[in-house]
Amino acid sequence: MVQTGMIRVFDHHSATGYRESLPGISQKTLVHGKNTLMAEFRLQKESVLPRHSHPHEQTGYLVSGHMTLHIGDEEAKIRPGDSWNIPSGMEHGAEVHEDSVAIEVFYPVRDDYLC
């Protein structure tokens, strides 16, 4: 990891640094700048992300796996290569059908995701 002040400029692949935020759901902050933060999520089969909201806009991409994502009143089956955007304050949640990896970008930076 290379940091410039409070900004994480580079991060090289590592199997360490994940935090379990909910049973079966782990996250790791990859890089962040002044305005955005990118995180990797590892989601275990049959885990559930309860519906919730936060003030951060959230854009995601499914690298591997399969899940059902709920955003507001909409629902979609998400497969590798699919992406999504969750507006600030919008309620969302997910059910994980296979072990999955997702990459998500948050705006503004989530202070609770900083190491």
C-alpha atoms as a PDB file:
ATOM      1  CA  MET A   1       0.000   0.000   0.000  1.00  0.00           C
ATOM      2  CA  VAL A   2       1.251   3.464  -0.870  1.00  0.00           C
ATOM      3  CA  GLN A   3      -0.331   6.441   0.896  1.00  0.00           C
ATOM      4  CA  THR A   4      -0.001  10.142   0.223  1.00  0.00           C
ATOM      5  CA  GLY A   5      -1.266  11.974   3.278  1.00  0.00           C
ATOM      6  CA  MET A   6      -4.750  10.555   3.932  1.00  0.00           C
ATOM      7  CA  ILE A   7      -5.124   9.184   0.376  1.00  0.00           C
ATOM      8  CA  ARG A   8      -4.329   5.550  -0.453  1.00  0.00           C
ATOM      9  CA  VAL A   9      -2.874   5.796  -3.976  1.00  0.00           C
ATOM     10  CA  PHE A  10      -1.978   2.140  -4.714  1.00  0.00           C
ATOM     11  CA  ASP A  11      -2.865  -1.186  -3.193  1.00  0.00           C
ATOM     12  CA  HIS A  12      -1.370  -4.476  -4.325  1.00  0.00           C
ATOM     13  CA  HIS A  13      -3.245  -7.756  -4.101  1.00  0.00           C
ATOM     14  CA  SER A  14      -3.094  -9.406  -0.681  1.00  0.00           C
ATOM     15  CA  ALA A  15      -5.199 -12.087   0.972  1.00  0.00           C
ATOM     16  CA  THR A  16      -5.060 -10.175   4.267  1.00  0.00           C
ATOM     17  CA  GLY A  17      -6.865  -7.130   5.609  1.00  0.00           C
ATOM     18  CA  TYR A  18     -10.483  -8.319   5.387  1.00  0.00           C
ATOM     19  CA  ARG A  19     -12.952  -7.455   8.169  1.00  0.00           C
ATOM     20  CA  GLU A  20     -16.153  -9.390   8.764  1.00  0.00           C
ATOM     21  CA  SER A  21     -18.952  -6.815   8.853  1.00  0.00           C
ATOM     22  CA  LEU A  22     -21.804  -9.360   9.085  1.00  0.00           C
ATOM     23  CA  PRO A  23     -21.837 -13.164   9.284  1.00  0.00           C
ATOM     24  CA  GLY A  24     -20.538 -14.418   5.932  1.00  0.00           C
ATOM     25  CA  ILE A  25     -19.736 -10.918   4.611  1.00  0.00           C
ATOM     26  CA  SER A  26     -16.172  -9.571   4.687  1.00  0.00           C
ATOM     27  CA  GLN A  27     -14.834  -6.349   3.244  1.00  0.00           C
ATOM     28  CA  LYS A  28     -11.499  -4.758   2.531  1.00  0.00           C
ATOM     29  CA  THR A  29     -10.816  -1.174   1.514  1.00  0.00           C
ATOM     30  CA  LEU A  30      -8.620  -1.257  -1.580  1.00  0.00           C
ATOM     31  CA  VAL A  31      -7.904   2.412  -2.346  1.00  0.00           C
ATOM     32  CA  HIS A  32      -9.440   5.771  -1.559  1.00  0.00           C
ATOM     33  CA  GLY A  33      -9.015   9.383  -2.458  1.00  0.00           C
ATOM     34  CA  LYS A  34     -10.482  12.616  -1.248  1.00  0.00           C
ATOM     35  CA  ASN A  35     -13.956  11.857  -2.681  1.00  0.00           C
ATOM     36  CA  THR A  36     -14.258   8.119  -3.387  1.00  0.00           C
ATOM     37  CA  LEU A  37     -13.428   4.793  -1.767  1.00  0.00           C
ATOM     38  CA  MET A  38     -13.223   1.377  -3.470  1.00  0.00           C
ATOM     39  CA  ALA A  39     -13.789  -1.800  -1.471  1.00  0.00           C
ATOM     40  CA  GLU A  40     -13.801  -5.524  -2.180  1.00  0.00           C
ATOM     41  CA  PHE A  41     -16.511  -7.650  -0.614  1.00  0.00           C
ATOM     42  CA  ARG A  42     -16.338 -11.412  -0.142  1.00  0.00           C
ATOM     43  CA  LEU A  43     -19.796 -12.855   0.396  1.00  0.00           C
ATOM     44  CA  GLN A  44     -20.367 -16.451   1.445  1.00  0.00           C
ATOM     45  CA  LYS A  45     -23.137 -18.585  -0.009  1.00  0.00           C
ATOM     46  CA  GLU A  46     -26.442 -18.179   1.902  1.00  0.00           C
ATOM     47  CA  SER A  47     -25.342 -14.974   3.652  1.00  0.00           C
ATOM     48  CA  VAL A  48     -27.810 -12.091   3.770  1.00  0.00           C
ATOM     49  CA  LEU A  49     -27.184  -8.370   3.664  1.00  0.00           C
ATOM     50  CA  PRO A  50     -30.229  -6.940   5.496  1.00  0.00           C
ATOM     51  CA  ARG A  51     -31.985  -3.990   3.873  1.00  0.00           C
ATOM     52  CA  HIS A  52     -30.367  -0.735   4.993  1.00  0.00           C
ATOM     53  CA  SER A  53     -29.477   2.725   3.726  1.00  0.00           C
ATOM     54  CA  HIS A  54     -26.640   5.194   4.168  1.00  0.00           C
ATOM     55  CA  PRO A  55     -25.755   8.659   2.834  1.00  0.00           C
ATOM     56  CA  HIS A  56     -23.147   7.271   0.405  1.00  0.00           C
ATOM     57  CA  GLU A  57     -23.788   6.716  -3.292  1.00  0.00           C
ATOM     58  CA  GLN A  58     -22.622   3.178  -4.103  1.00  0.00           C
ATOM     59  CA  THR A  59     -21.653   1.711  -7.488  1.00  0.00           C
ATOM     60  CA  GLY A  60     -20.820  -1.985  -7.748  1.00  0.00           C
ATOM     61  CA  TYR A  61     -19.608  -4.761 -10.049  1.00  0.00           C
ATOM     62  CA  LEU A  62     -19.902  -8.513  -9.466  1.00  0.00           C
ATOM     63  CA  VAL A  63     -16.581 -10.238 -10.158  1.00  0.00           C
ATOM     64  CA  SER A  64     -17.748 -13.762  -9.345  1.00  0.00           C
ATOM     65  CA  GLY A  65     -20.709 -15.609  -7.839  1.00  0.00           C
ATOM     66  CA  HIS A  66     -24.453 -15.033  -7.890  1.00  0.00           C
ATOM     67  CA  MET A  67     -26.788 -12.979  -5.710  1.00  0.00           C
ATOM     68  CA  THR A  68     -30.157 -11.272  -5.671  1.00  0.00           C
ATOM     69  CA  LEU A  69     -29.858  -7.535  -5.110  1.00  0.00           C
ATOM     70  CA  HIS A  70     -32.719  -5.334  -3.883  1.00  0.00           C
ATOM     71  CA  ILE A  71     -32.513  -1.584  -4.508  1.00  0.00           C
ATOM     72  CA  GLY A  72     -35.578   0.353  -3.439  1.00  0.00           C
ATOM     73  CA  ASP A  73     -38.568  -1.473  -4.960  1.00  0.00           C
ATOM     74  CA  GLU A  74     -36.466  -3.196  -7.624  1.00  0.00           C
ATOM     75  CA  GLU A  75     -34.890  -6.666  -7.525  1.00  0.00           C
ATOM     76  CA  ALA A  76     -32.352  -8.260  -9.873  1.00  0.00           C
ATOM     77  CA  LYS A  77     -30.498 -11.551 -10.142  1.00  0.00           C
ATOM     78  CA  ILE A  78     -26.845 -10.499 -10.374  1.00  0.00           C
ATOM     79  CA  ARG A  79     -24.216 -12.586 -12.202  1.00  0.00           C
ATOM     80  CA  PRO A  80     -20.508 -11.963 -12.949  1.00  0.00           C
ATOM     81  CA  GLY A  81     -20.078  -8.893 -15.130  1.00  0.00           C
ATOM     82  CA  ASP A  82     -23.285  -7.233 -13.883  1.00  0.00           C
ATOM     83  CA  SER A  83     -23.125  -3.817 -12.223  1.00  0.00           C
ATOM     84  CA  TRP A  84     -25.414  -1.539 -10.214  1.00  0.00           C
ATOM     85  CA  ASN A  85     -25.773   1.915  -8.719  1.00  0.00           C
ATOM     86  CA  ILE A  86     -27.434   2.682  -5.407  1.00  0.00           C
ATOM     87  CA  PRO A  87     -28.339   6.351  -4.897  1.00  0.00           C
ATOM     88  CA  SER A  88     -27.560   8.059  -1.615  1.00  0.00           C
ATOM     89  CA  GLY A  89     -30.161   7.219   1.033  1.00  0.00           C
ATOM     90  CA  MET A  90     -31.774   4.393  -1.006  1.00  0.00           C
ATOM     91  CA  GLU A  91     -32.674   1.248   0.940  1.00  0.00           C
ATOM     92  CA  HIS A  92     -30.926  -1.875  -0.382  1.00  0.00           C
ATOM     93  CA  GLY A  93     -30.009  -5.444   0.587  1.00  0.00           C
ATOM     94  CA  ALA A  94     -28.987  -8.799  -0.902  1.00  0.00           C
ATOM     95  CA  GLU A  95     -29.208 -12.582  -0.661  1.00  0.00           C
ATOM     96  CA  VAL A  96     -26.086 -14.468  -1.722  1.00  0.00           C
ATOM     97  CA  HIS A  97     -26.688 -17.691  -3.696  1.00  0.00           C
ATOM     98  CA  GLU A  98     -23.029 -18.657  -4.348  1.00  0.00           C
ATOM     99  CA  ASP A  99     -19.727 -17.569  -2.843  1.00  0.00           C
ATOM    100  CA  SER A 100     -19.257 -14.154  -4.461  1.00  0.00           C
ATOM    101  CA  VAL A 101     -16.792 -11.304  -4.872  1.00  0.00           C
ATOM    102  CA  ALA A 102     -17.994  -7.746  -5.526  1.00  0.00           C
ATOM    103  CA  ILE A 103     -16.130  -4.478  -6.006  1.00  0.00           C
ATOM    104  CA  GLU A 104     -17.916  -1.305  -4.902  1.00  0.00           C
ATOM    105  CA  VAL A 105     -17.108   2.396  -5.019  1.00  0.00           C
ATOM    106  CA  PHE A 106     -18.572   4.800  -2.452  1.00  0.00           C
ATOM    107  CA  TYR A 107     -19.020   8.568  -2.609  1.00  0.00           C
ATOM    108  CA  PRO A 108     -18.230  10.298  -0.381  1.00  0.00           C
ATOM    109  CA  VAL A 109     -15.516   8.264   1.342  1.00  0.00           C
ATOM    110  CA  ARG A 110     -16.914   6.036   4.075  1.00  0.00           C
ATOM    111  CA  ASP A 111     -14.937   6.905   7.206  1.00  0.00           C
ATOM    112  CA  ASP A 112     -16.060   3.615   8.778  1.00  0.00           C
ATOM    113  CA  TYR A 113     -14.214   1.707   6.001  1.00  0.00           C
ATOM    114  CA  LEU A 114     -10.860   3.432   6.518  1.00  0.00           C
ATOM    115  CA  CYS A 115      -8.202   1.277   8.125  1.00  0.00           C
END
